[in-house]
C-alpha cells in the first residue's frame, strides 16, 4: 500500500513550526532522504512527519545539539551511537540530581551557621580562595556580580572577608557546583541576609528539583518517540 503524500505545510502543522523550518530540518539532515517528483517537487510521507516530531521531542528533552546528533546517528544506521547519546543525557541528569541533593543538605547545614561559627578574623582573598578550594578570580567574578561585598583595608585597599562574607562565598560556591546561574543565586543570598533563614534557599532548591523533574518527563516522551521512529514496523 502506497504511503500518503504530505506537503511541507502538513509537516509544519503537525510540529507547530513554519514551512521554512521544515526545509531547514531537511538541509540539516534531520529528515530521511526526501524524494522529488519529475518536476522537482519534494515528496514527503509519514516517515518524514515522524522524523520531525521525534527531533522536536528530543530537542525539548535533551537539547538541540544532542537531538541533532541522535537523528544523524539514526539516519546513518548507527542505533548504538544514538542510544549512547541518550544514555549520556540520562547520566548527566542523574548527576545533577545527586549534586542538587548534596548541595541542598550542605546548604541547609550552612544556613544554620552563625557568623561566630565561621573563621573569627578577617581573611584576605587568597586565604578565602584556599579555604574554599577556588581561584581568586572566581571570588572577584562573584563580587562583580554583586554576590559578595568584602570590606577593604584602609591603607592597602586589600579585600577583607569577614565571617559573614566567608559564609556567603561558601553559599555561592556550592550553588555554582550545582550549576545555578549567578542571577539566580542573588535572591538566595538576599533572603538569607535579610531574614537569617534558609527559606529562600529552600525555595530555590525546590524550583530546581521541579525543573529536573520536568526535564526527566520530557526525556521520557522523547525516548518514546525515538523508539517508535528507530524501530518502524516492517
Protein backbone atom coordinates (compact mmCIF):
# COMPACT_ATOMS: atom_id res chain seq x y z
CA UNK A 1 0.00 0.00 0.00
CA UNK A 2 1.45 3.35 -1.04
CA UNK A 3 2.12 5.84 1.76
CA UNK A 4 0.11 9.06 1.60
CA UNK A 5 1.93 12.08 0.29
CA UNK A 6 2.35 15.02 2.62
CA UNK A 7 3.13 18.64 1.82
CA UNK A 8 5.68 20.73 3.73
CA UNK A 9 2.77 22.61 5.29
CA UNK A 10 1.36 19.30 6.58
CA UNK A 11 4.61 18.56 8.41
CA UNK A 12 4.81 22.12 9.65
CA UNK A 13 1.29 21.99 11.09
CA UNK A 14 1.93 18.65 12.77
CA UNK A 15 5.01 20.03 14.53
CA UNK A 16 3.81 23.59 15.10
CA UNK A 17 6.62 25.15 13.07
CA UNK A 18 6.94 27.07 9.81
CA UNK A 19 7.41 25.51 6.39
CA UNK A 20 10.81 27.20 6.27
CA UNK A 21 11.76 25.31 9.41
CA UNK A 22 10.85 22.05 7.67
CA UNK A 23 13.26 22.96 4.85
CA UNK A 24 15.90 23.79 7.46
CA UNK A 25 15.40 20.38 9.06
CA UNK A 26 15.86 18.71 5.69
CA UNK A 27 19.06 20.63 4.96
CA UNK A 28 20.41 19.80 8.42
CA UNK A 29 19.97 16.06 7.84
CA UNK A 30 17.26 15.70 10.46
CA UNK A 31 14.90 14.04 7.98
CA UNK A 32 15.41 10.88 5.95
CA UNK A 33 16.10 11.42 2.22
CA UNK A 34 13.27 13.32 0.57
CA UNK A 35 12.38 12.07 -2.94
CA UNK A 36 11.28 14.53 -5.61
CA UNK A 37 8.78 14.31 -8.42
CA UNK A 38 9.79 14.59 -12.07
CA UNK A 39 9.07 18.30 -11.84
CA UNK A 40 11.30 18.75 -8.78
CA UNK A 41 8.71 18.95 -6.01
CA UNK A 42 9.59 17.38 -2.68
CA UNK A 43 7.56 14.33 -1.75
CA UNK A 44 7.12 13.88 1.99
CA UNK A 45 5.45 10.98 3.76
CA UNK A 46 4.56 9.77 7.26
CA UNK A 47 8.20 8.83 7.89
CA UNK A 48 9.27 12.46 7.44
CA UNK A 49 6.50 13.65 9.72
CA UNK A 50 7.63 11.17 12.36
CA UNK A 51 11.21 12.40 11.98
CA UNK A 52 10.14 15.99 12.62
CA UNK A 53 8.12 15.04 15.68
CA UNK A 54 10.95 12.86 17.00
CA UNK A 55 13.52 15.61 16.59
CA UNK A 56 11.26 18.17 18.27
CA UNK A 57 10.69 15.85 21.23
CA UNK A 58 14.41 15.10 21.51
CA UNK A 59 15.30 18.77 21.39
CA UNK A 60 12.83 19.52 24.17
CA UNK A 61 14.16 16.76 26.41
CA UNK A 62 17.87 16.58 25.61
CA UNK A 63 18.63 19.89 23.91
CA UNK A 64 19.05 20.73 20.21
CA UNK A 65 22.69 19.62 19.95
CA UNK A 66 22.03 16.13 21.30
CA UNK A 67 18.83 15.88 19.28
CA UNK A 68 20.70 16.63 16.05
CA UNK A 69 23.41 14.10 16.88
CA UNK A 70 20.82 11.41 17.68
CA UNK A 71 18.92 11.95 14.44
CA UNK A 72 22.13 11.89 12.40
CA UNK A 73 23.13 8.62 14.08
CA UNK A 74 19.74 7.03 13.39
CA UNK A 75 19.84 8.07 9.73
CA UNK A 76 23.35 6.63 9.47
CA UNK A 77 22.01 3.29 10.80
CA UNK A 78 24.05 3.78 13.96
CA UNK A 79 21.44 2.94 16.56
CA UNK A 80 24.06 2.07 19.24
CA UNK A 81 25.55 5.55 18.79
CA UNK A 82 22.13 7.15 19.15
CA UNK A 83 21.39 5.16 22.30
CA UNK A 84 24.78 6.09 23.76
CA UNK A 85 23.85 9.76 23.38
CA UNK A 86 20.54 9.12 25.11
CA UNK A 87 22.31 7.28 27.94
CA UNK A 88 24.72 10.20 28.36
CA UNK A 89 21.79 12.59 28.70
CA UNK A 90 20.19 10.50 31.43
CA UNK A 91 23.52 10.10 33.23
CA UNK A 92 24.04 13.88 33.21
CA UNK A 93 20.54 14.44 34.61
CA UNK A 94 21.13 11.85 37.34
CA UNK A 95 24.40 13.57 38.27
CA UNK A 96 22.60 16.90 38.51
CA UNK A 97 20.05 15.33 40.85
CA UNK A 98 22.79 13.91 43.07
CA UNK A 99 24.65 17.20 43.09
CA UNK A 100 21.49 19.14 43.92
CA UNK A 101 20.65 16.81 46.79
CA UNK A 102 24.16 17.08 48.21
CA UNK A 103 24.08 20.84 47.82
CA UNK A 104 20.68 21.05 49.48
CA UNK A 105 21.90 19.14 52.51
CA UNK A 106 25.13 21.11 52.74
CA UNK A 107 23.41 24.45 52.38
CA UNK A 108 20.80 23.59 54.99
CA UNK A 109 23.62 22.96 57.43
CA UNK A 110 25.48 26.06 56.34
CA UNK A 111 22.37 28.24 56.58
CA UNK A 112 22.15 27.37 60.26
CA UNK A 113 25.62 28.62 60.97
CA UNK A 114 26.02 31.94 62.70
CA UNK A 115 28.94 34.21 61.83
CA UNK A 116 30.58 33.18 65.11
CA UNK A 117 30.78 29.60 63.87
CA UNK A 118 32.95 30.71 60.96
CA UNK A 119 36.60 31.91 60.95
CA UNK A 120 36.67 34.69 63.58
CA UNK A 121 39.15 37.01 61.91
CA UNK A 122 39.08 38.79 58.58
CA UNK A 123 40.70 36.90 55.72
CA UNK A 124 42.28 38.17 52.54
CA UNK A 125 41.08 36.97 49.17
CA UNK A 126 43.88 34.42 48.75
CA UNK A 127 43.13 32.90 52.15
CA UNK A 128 39.43 32.60 51.31
CA UNK A 129 40.27 31.02 47.96
CA UNK A 130 42.47 28.44 49.70
CA UNK A 131 39.77 27.77 52.29
CA UNK A 132 37.12 27.10 49.66
CA UNK A 133 39.37 25.49 47.05
CA UNK A 134 38.55 28.03 44.33
CA UNK A 135 40.52 30.56 42.31
CA UNK A 136 40.79 34.14 43.47
CA UNK A 137 39.45 35.10 40.03
CA UNK A 138 36.20 33.27 40.86
CA UNK A 139 35.77 35.33 44.02
CA UNK A 140 36.31 38.51 42.01
CA UNK A 141 33.68 37.45 39.47
CA UNK A 142 31.19 36.74 42.25
CA UNK A 143 31.96 40.14 43.77
CA UNK A 144 31.46 41.84 40.39
CA UNK A 145 28.08 40.09 40.11
CA UNK A 146 27.02 41.63 43.41
CA UNK A 147 27.08 38.34 45.32
CA UNK A 148 29.96 39.26 47.63
CA UNK A 149 30.79 42.59 49.24
CA UNK A 150 34.01 42.23 51.25
CA UNK A 151 35.44 45.20 53.08
CA UNK A 152 38.75 46.86 52.29
CA UNK A 153 41.85 47.69 54.25
CA UNK A 154 42.16 51.46 54.60
CA UNK A 155 45.81 51.72 53.62
CA UNK A 156 46.38 48.91 51.12
CA UNK A 157 42.87 48.55 49.70
CA UNK A 158 43.12 44.76 50.01
CA UNK A 159 39.83 42.89 50.28
CA UNK A 160 38.93 41.66 53.76
CA UNK A 161 36.42 38.84 54.12
CA UNK A 162 34.68 38.73 57.48
CA UNK A 163 32.86 35.65 58.82
CA UNK A 164 29.59 36.50 57.06
CA UNK A 165 31.47 37.15 53.80
CA UNK A 166 33.11 33.72 54.02
CA UNK A 167 29.72 32.13 54.64
CA UNK A 168 28.30 33.89 51.57
CA UNK A 169 31.26 32.74 49.47
CA UNK A 170 30.61 29.16 50.55
CA UNK A 171 26.96 29.52 49.53
CA UNK A 172 27.93 30.78 46.10
CA UNK A 173 30.50 28.02 45.63
CA UNK A 174 28.02 25.26 46.45
CA UNK A 175 25.30 26.68 44.25
CA UNK A 176 27.71 27.13 41.37
CA UNK A 177 28.73 23.48 41.73
CA UNK A 178 25.06 22.64 41.14
CA UNK A 179 25.08 24.81 38.01
CA UNK A 180 22.99 27.62 39.40
CA UNK A 181 23.36 30.74 37.20
CA UNK A 182 24.72 33.77 39.03
CA UNK A 183 21.47 35.80 38.70
CA UNK A 184 19.53 33.02 40.47
CA UNK A 185 21.95 32.92 43.40
CA UNK A 186 21.44 36.52 44.48
CA UNK A 187 17.83 36.06 45.71
CA UNK A 188 19.00 33.15 47.86
CA UNK A 189 21.72 35.22 49.47
CA UNK A 190 19.45 38.25 49.83
CA UNK A 191 16.84 36.12 51.58
CA UNK A 192 19.38 34.65 53.96
CA UNK A 193 20.90 38.05 54.76
CA UNK A 194 17.51 39.69 55.23
CA UNK A 195 15.76 37.06 57.31
CA UNK A 196 18.59 34.96 58.66
CA UNK A 197 16.70 31.88 57.50
CA UNK A 198 17.14 29.36 54.70
CA UNK A 199 13.62 29.81 53.32
CA UNK A 200 14.81 31.47 50.10
CA UNK A 201 17.34 28.68 49.74
CA UNK A 202 14.68 26.01 50.13
CA UNK A 203 12.51 27.68 47.51
CA UNK A 204 15.42 27.86 45.04
CA UNK A 205 16.29 24.20 45.56
CA UNK A 206 12.62 23.23 45.24
CA UNK A 207 12.36 25.09 41.93
CA UNK A 208 15.46 23.33 40.65
CA UNK A 209 14.05 19.93 41.65
CA UNK A 210 10.86 20.77 39.74
CA UNK A 211 12.88 21.80 36.67
CA UNK A 212 14.76 18.49 36.71
CA UNK A 213 11.51 16.55 37.08
CA UNK A 214 10.04 18.39 34.09
CA UNK A 215 13.12 17.63 32.04
CA UNK A 216 13.03 13.96 33.04
CA UNK A 217 9.43 13.74 31.83
CA UNK A 218 10.40 15.39 28.54
CA UNK A 219 13.22 12.87 28.15
CA UNK A 220 10.77 10.02 28.69
CA UNK A 221 8.47 11.39 25.99
CA UNK A 222 11.41 11.86 23.62
CA UNK A 223 12.64 8.33 24.23
CA UNK A 224 9.20 7.01 23.32
CA UNK A 225 9.27 8.96 20.05
CA UNK A 226 12.79 7.72 19.30
CA UNK A 227 11.88 4.10 19.96
CA UNK A 228 8.95 4.30 17.56
CA UNK A 229 11.00 6.11 14.91
CA UNK A 230 14.12 3.93 15.15
CA UNK A 231 12.15 0.66 15.07
CA UNK A 232 9.44 1.22 12.45
CA UNK A 233 7.14 -1.72 11.67
CA UNK A 234 8.40 -3.95 8.89
